Amino acid sequence: MNGSELVDKLHTSTRYFRSALKGAGFTLRGDDHPIVPVMLGDARLAAEFADEMLERGIYVIGFSYPVVPKGEARIRVQISAVHSHTDLDQCISAFIDIGRKRGIIP
């Protein structure tokens, strides 16, 4: 892939991922950026959520105070042009499963 194709794939993947998480009921920050903050609010919840994602083989970062303002804890997801559609679907599925289990989404 050339540079232009990689950028196009990154934008397409970012839109797909953001759309799926928003559709599932998650609150996201930002618009079409490949760094996707999934807002959870609670620091402990963000840390435990990130741990559960890692148990499923998905590396995401939980951020909380003092890195972000109090009450704005989040999971940070970084979409890459090398992520396959299958990779994105696996991550989306894990977010939805854990989000439902923890009562974050319906």
N, C-alpha and C. Protein backbone atom coordinates (compact mmCIF):
# COMPACT_ATOMS: atom_id res chain seq x y z
N MET A 1 0.84 -1.19 0.00
CA MET A 1 0.00 0.00 0.00
C MET A 1 0.88 1.24 0.00
N ASN A 2 0.47 2.23 -0.77
CA ASN A 2 1.20 3.49 -0.74
C ASN A 2 0.65 4.36 0.39
N GLY A 3 1.28 5.50 0.61
CA GLY A 3 0.88 6.37 1.72
C GLY A 3 -0.56 6.82 1.65
N SER A 4 -1.02 7.17 0.46
CA SER A 4 -2.39 7.63 0.30
C SER A 4 -3.40 6.52 0.63
N GLU A 5 -3.09 5.30 0.21
CA GLU A 5 -3.97 4.17 0.51
C GLU A 5 -4.00 3.88 2.00
N LEU A 6 -2.86 4.00 2.69
CA LEU A 6 -2.82 3.79 4.13
C LEU A 6 -3.67 4.83 4.86
N VAL A 7 -3.57 6.08 4.44
CA VAL A 7 -4.36 7.14 5.06
C VAL A 7 -5.85 6.88 4.84
N ASP A 8 -6.21 6.49 3.61
CA ASP A 8 -7.62 6.18 3.32
C ASP A 8 -8.12 5.03 4.19
N LYS A 9 -7.29 3.99 4.33
CA LYS A 9 -7.68 2.84 5.15
C LYS A 9 -7.83 3.26 6.62
N LEU A 10 -6.93 4.10 7.09
CA LEU A 10 -7.02 4.58 8.48
C LEU A 10 -8.32 5.34 8.70
N HIS A 11 -8.67 6.22 7.78
CA HIS A 11 -9.92 6.99 7.92
C HIS A 11 -11.14 6.07 7.89
N THR A 12 -11.14 5.11 6.97
CA THR A 12 -12.26 4.17 6.87
C THR A 12 -12.38 3.34 8.14
N SER A 13 -11.26 2.84 8.64
CA SER A 13 -11.26 2.02 9.86
C SER A 13 -11.72 2.84 11.07
N THR A 14 -11.26 4.08 11.14
CA THR A 14 -11.64 4.95 12.25
C THR A 14 -13.15 5.20 12.24
N ARG A 15 -13.71 5.52 11.09
CA ARG A 15 -15.15 5.76 11.00
C ARG A 15 -15.93 4.50 11.38
N TYR A 16 -15.48 3.35 10.90
CA TYR A 16 -16.15 2.08 11.20
C TYR A 16 -16.14 1.80 12.70
N PHE A 17 -14.98 1.94 13.33
CA PHE A 17 -14.84 1.66 14.76
C PHE A 17 -15.69 2.61 15.59
N ARG A 18 -15.57 3.91 15.30
CA ARG A 18 -16.32 4.91 16.06
C ARG A 18 -17.83 4.69 15.90
N SER A 19 -18.26 4.42 14.69
CA SER A 19 -19.68 4.20 14.43
C SER A 19 -20.21 3.00 15.21
N ALA A 20 -19.44 1.93 15.24
CA ALA A 20 -19.87 0.72 15.94
C ALA A 20 -19.98 0.96 17.45
N LEU A 21 -19.00 1.64 18.03
CA LEU A 21 -19.06 1.88 19.48
C LEU A 21 -20.16 2.86 19.84
N LYS A 22 -20.32 3.91 19.04
CA LYS A 22 -21.42 4.85 19.30
C LYS A 22 -22.76 4.15 19.17
N GLY A 23 -22.90 3.32 18.15
CA GLY A 23 -24.13 2.58 17.93
C GLY A 23 -24.46 1.64 19.08
N ALA A 24 -23.42 1.13 19.74
CA ALA A 24 -23.62 0.23 20.87
C ALA A 24 -23.99 0.99 22.15
N GLY A 25 -23.80 2.32 22.13
CA GLY A 25 -24.17 3.11 23.30
C GLY A 25 -23.03 3.74 24.06
N PHE A 26 -21.80 3.57 23.59
CA PHE A 26 -20.66 4.18 24.27
C PHE A 26 -20.59 5.67 23.95
N THR A 27 -20.05 6.44 24.89
CA THR A 27 -19.80 7.85 24.69
C THR A 27 -18.35 8.02 24.29
N LEU A 28 -18.13 8.66 23.15
CA LEU A 28 -16.78 8.88 22.63
C LEU A 28 -16.49 10.36 22.60
N ARG A 29 -15.22 10.71 22.68
CA ARG A 29 -14.78 12.10 22.52
C ARG A 29 -14.15 12.25 21.14
N GLY A 30 -14.16 13.46 20.65
CA GLY A 30 -13.56 13.74 19.35
C GLY A 30 -14.46 13.29 18.23
N ASP A 31 -14.05 13.62 17.03
CA ASP A 31 -14.87 13.26 15.88
C ASP A 31 -14.24 12.14 15.07
N ASP A 32 -13.47 12.47 14.09
CA ASP A 32 -12.95 11.44 13.19
C ASP A 32 -11.46 11.17 13.40
N HIS A 33 -11.01 11.26 14.61
CA HIS A 33 -9.59 11.04 14.90
C HIS A 33 -9.34 9.57 15.25
N PRO A 34 -8.21 9.00 14.82
CA PRO A 34 -7.93 7.59 15.12
C PRO A 34 -7.58 7.30 16.58
N ILE A 35 -7.35 8.34 17.37
CA ILE A 35 -7.24 8.13 18.81
C ILE A 35 -8.66 8.30 19.35
N VAL A 36 -9.19 7.21 19.89
CA VAL A 36 -10.61 7.17 20.27
C VAL A 36 -10.74 7.09 21.79
N PRO A 37 -11.10 8.19 22.45
CA PRO A 37 -11.35 8.15 23.88
C PRO A 37 -12.78 7.62 24.15
N VAL A 38 -12.86 6.50 24.83
CA VAL A 38 -14.15 5.91 25.21
C VAL A 38 -14.38 6.32 26.66
N MET A 39 -15.34 7.20 26.87
CA MET A 39 -15.55 7.82 28.18
C MET A 39 -16.28 6.87 29.14
N LEU A 40 -15.66 6.68 30.31
CA LEU A 40 -16.26 5.82 31.33
C LEU A 40 -16.53 6.58 32.63
N GLY A 41 -15.80 7.65 32.88
CA GLY A 41 -16.03 8.49 34.04
C GLY A 41 -15.30 8.06 35.29
N ASP A 42 -15.35 6.79 35.64
CA ASP A 42 -14.79 6.28 36.89
C ASP A 42 -13.40 5.68 36.67
N ALA A 43 -12.43 6.10 37.49
CA ALA A 43 -11.05 5.66 37.34
C ALA A 43 -10.89 4.15 37.52
N ARG A 44 -11.50 3.61 38.56
CA ARG A 44 -11.39 2.17 38.80
C ARG A 44 -12.01 1.38 37.66
N LEU A 45 -13.15 1.83 37.18
CA LEU A 45 -13.82 1.18 36.07
C LEU A 45 -12.93 1.18 34.82
N ALA A 46 -12.30 2.30 34.53
CA ALA A 46 -11.43 2.39 33.36
C ALA A 46 -10.25 1.43 33.48
N ALA A 47 -9.65 1.35 34.65
CA ALA A 47 -8.52 0.44 34.86
C ALA A 47 -8.95 -1.02 34.74
N GLU A 48 -10.07 -1.37 35.36
CA GLU A 48 -10.55 -2.75 35.31
C GLU A 48 -11.00 -3.12 33.89
N PHE A 49 -11.61 -2.18 33.19
CA PHE A 49 -12.06 -2.42 31.82
C PHE A 49 -10.84 -2.71 30.95
N ALA A 50 -9.79 -1.89 31.08
CA ALA A 50 -8.57 -2.10 30.30
C ALA A 50 -7.95 -3.46 30.62
N ASP A 51 -7.98 -3.86 31.89
CA ASP A 51 -7.46 -5.18 32.27
C ASP A 51 -8.25 -6.30 31.60
N GLU A 52 -9.56 -6.17 31.57
CA GLU A 52 -10.40 -7.20 30.93
C GLU A 52 -10.15 -7.25 29.42
N MET A 53 -9.93 -6.10 28.82
CA MET A 53 -9.61 -6.09 27.39
C MET A 53 -8.30 -6.82 27.14
N LEU A 54 -7.30 -6.59 28.00
CA LEU A 54 -6.00 -7.25 27.84
C LEU A 54 -6.14 -8.76 28.00
N GLU A 55 -7.01 -9.21 28.91
CA GLU A 55 -7.26 -10.64 29.06
C GLU A 55 -7.80 -11.26 27.77
N ARG A 56 -8.43 -10.42 26.93
CA ARG A 56 -8.96 -10.87 25.65
C ARG A 56 -7.97 -10.62 24.51
N GLY A 57 -6.76 -10.20 24.86
CA GLY A 57 -5.72 -9.99 23.85
C GLY A 57 -5.76 -8.64 23.18
N ILE A 58 -6.45 -7.68 23.78
CA ILE A 58 -6.59 -6.35 23.19
C ILE A 58 -5.95 -5.34 24.15
N TYR A 59 -4.94 -4.63 23.64
CA TYR A 59 -4.21 -3.68 24.46
C TYR A 59 -4.79 -2.29 24.29
N VAL A 60 -5.44 -1.79 25.31
CA VAL A 60 -5.94 -0.42 25.38
C VAL A 60 -5.46 0.17 26.70
N ILE A 61 -5.52 1.48 26.81
CA ILE A 61 -5.02 2.16 28.00
C ILE A 61 -6.17 2.84 28.73
N GLY A 62 -6.23 2.63 30.04
CA GLY A 62 -7.17 3.37 30.87
C GLY A 62 -6.49 4.62 31.39
N PHE A 63 -7.11 5.78 31.19
CA PHE A 63 -6.59 7.05 31.69
C PHE A 63 -7.52 7.61 32.75
N SER A 64 -6.93 8.12 33.81
CA SER A 64 -7.72 8.77 34.86
C SER A 64 -6.89 9.91 35.45
N TYR A 65 -7.47 10.60 36.43
CA TYR A 65 -6.79 11.70 37.10
C TYR A 65 -5.46 11.22 37.67
N PRO A 66 -4.37 11.94 37.51
CA PRO A 66 -4.23 13.33 37.08
C PRO A 66 -3.95 13.52 35.58
N VAL A 67 -4.00 12.44 34.81
CA VAL A 67 -3.74 12.55 33.36
C VAL A 67 -4.90 13.26 32.66
N VAL A 68 -6.11 12.98 33.13
CA VAL A 68 -7.32 13.66 32.61
C VAL A 68 -8.06 14.23 33.82
N PRO A 69 -8.97 15.18 33.61
CA PRO A 69 -9.70 15.76 34.75
C PRO A 69 -10.47 14.70 35.55
N LYS A 70 -10.64 14.94 36.84
CA LYS A 70 -11.44 14.05 37.69
C LYS A 70 -12.81 13.85 37.08
N GLY A 71 -13.30 12.61 37.14
CA GLY A 71 -14.61 12.30 36.61
C GLY A 71 -14.64 12.09 35.10
N GLU A 72 -13.48 12.17 34.45
CA GLU A 72 -13.42 11.99 33.00
C GLU A 72 -12.51 10.82 32.60
N ALA A 73 -12.49 9.78 33.43
CA ALA A 73 -11.68 8.60 33.12
C ALA A 73 -12.17 7.99 31.82
N ARG A 74 -11.25 7.38 31.12
CA ARG A 74 -11.57 6.86 29.80
C ARG A 74 -10.64 5.73 29.41
N ILE A 75 -11.03 5.03 28.37
CA ILE A 75 -10.18 4.06 27.71
C ILE A 75 -9.71 4.73 26.43
N ARG A 76 -8.42 4.67 26.16
CA ARG A 76 -7.87 5.24 24.94
C ARG A 76 -7.58 4.10 23.97
N VAL A 77 -8.17 4.20 22.79
CA VAL A 77 -7.96 3.22 21.73
C VAL A 77 -7.25 3.93 20.58
N GLN A 78 -6.22 3.31 20.05
CA GLN A 78 -5.49 3.88 18.91
C GLN A 78 -5.72 3.00 17.69
N ILE A 79 -6.47 3.51 16.72
CA ILE A 79 -6.72 2.77 15.48
C ILE A 79 -5.51 2.97 14.57
N SER A 80 -5.12 1.90 13.89
CA SER A 80 -3.98 1.93 12.98
C SER A 80 -4.40 1.42 11.60
N ALA A 81 -3.70 1.88 10.59
CA ALA A 81 -3.97 1.42 9.22
C ALA A 81 -3.66 -0.06 9.05
N VAL A 82 -2.87 -0.63 9.92
CA VAL A 82 -2.56 -2.05 9.79
C VAL A 82 -3.56 -2.96 10.50
N HIS A 83 -4.49 -2.37 11.26
CA HIS A 83 -5.55 -3.18 11.86
C HIS A 83 -6.46 -3.70 10.75
N SER A 84 -6.73 -4.98 10.78
CA SER A 84 -7.65 -5.57 9.81
C SER A 84 -9.09 -5.36 10.27
N HIS A 85 -10.02 -5.62 9.37
CA HIS A 85 -11.43 -5.55 9.73
C HIS A 85 -11.73 -6.56 10.85
N THR A 86 -11.09 -7.71 10.79
CA THR A 86 -11.25 -8.73 11.83
C THR A 86 -10.73 -8.22 13.17
N ASP A 87 -9.59 -7.52 13.16
CA ASP A 87 -9.05 -6.94 14.39
C ASP A 87 -10.04 -5.97 15.00
N LEU A 88 -10.60 -5.10 14.16
CA LEU A 88 -11.56 -4.10 14.65
C LEU A 88 -12.80 -4.78 15.21
N ASP A 89 -13.30 -5.78 14.50
CA ASP A 89 -14.49 -6.49 14.97
C ASP A 89 -14.25 -7.18 16.30
N GLN A 90 -13.05 -7.74 16.48
CA GLN A 90 -12.71 -8.40 17.75
C GLN A 90 -12.71 -7.37 18.88
N CYS A 91 -12.15 -6.20 18.62
CA CYS A 91 -12.11 -5.15 19.64
C CYS A 91 -13.51 -4.62 19.94
N ILE A 92 -14.29 -4.39 18.90
CA ILE A 92 -15.67 -3.91 19.08
C ILE A 92 -16.47 -4.92 19.90
N SER A 93 -16.36 -6.18 19.56
CA SER A 93 -17.08 -7.23 20.28
C SER A 93 -16.70 -7.26 21.76
N ALA A 94 -15.40 -7.14 22.03
CA ALA A 94 -14.94 -7.15 23.42
C ALA A 94 -15.48 -5.93 24.17
N PHE A 95 -15.44 -4.76 23.55
CA PHE A 95 -15.99 -3.56 24.19
C PHE A 95 -17.46 -3.77 24.53
N ILE A 96 -18.22 -4.30 23.59
CA ILE A 96 -19.65 -4.50 23.81
C ILE A 96 -19.89 -5.53 24.91
N ASP A 97 -19.18 -6.64 24.87
CA ASP A 97 -19.36 -7.68 25.90
C ASP A 97 -19.04 -7.14 27.30
N ILE A 98 -17.90 -6.49 27.43
CA ILE A 98 -17.48 -5.98 28.74
C ILE A 98 -18.39 -4.82 29.16
N GLY A 99 -18.73 -3.97 28.21
CA GLY A 99 -19.62 -2.84 28.51
C GLY A 99 -20.97 -3.29 29.03
N ARG A 100 -21.52 -4.33 28.43
CA ARG A 100 -22.80 -4.87 28.91
C ARG A 100 -22.64 -5.53 30.27
N LYS A 101 -21.59 -6.31 30.43
CA LYS A 101 -21.35 -7.01 31.68
C LYS A 101 -21.23 -6.02 32.85
N ARG A 102 -20.63 -4.87 32.58
CA ARG A 102 -20.40 -3.87 33.62
C ARG A 102 -21.51 -2.83 33.70
N GLY A 103 -22.54 -2.97 32.88
CA GLY A 103 -23.68 -2.06 32.93
C GLY A 103 -23.41 -0.68 32.34
N ILE A 104 -22.42 -0.57 31.50
CA ILE A 104 -22.09 0.71 30.88
C ILE A 104 -23.02 0.98 29.70
N ILE A 105 -23.35 -0.09 28.97
CA ILE A 105 -24.27 0.02 27.84
C ILE A 105 -25.38 -1.01 28.03
N PRO A 106 -26.52 -0.79 27.36
CA PRO A 106 -27.64 -1.74 27.51
C PRO A 106 -27.38 -3.08 26.83
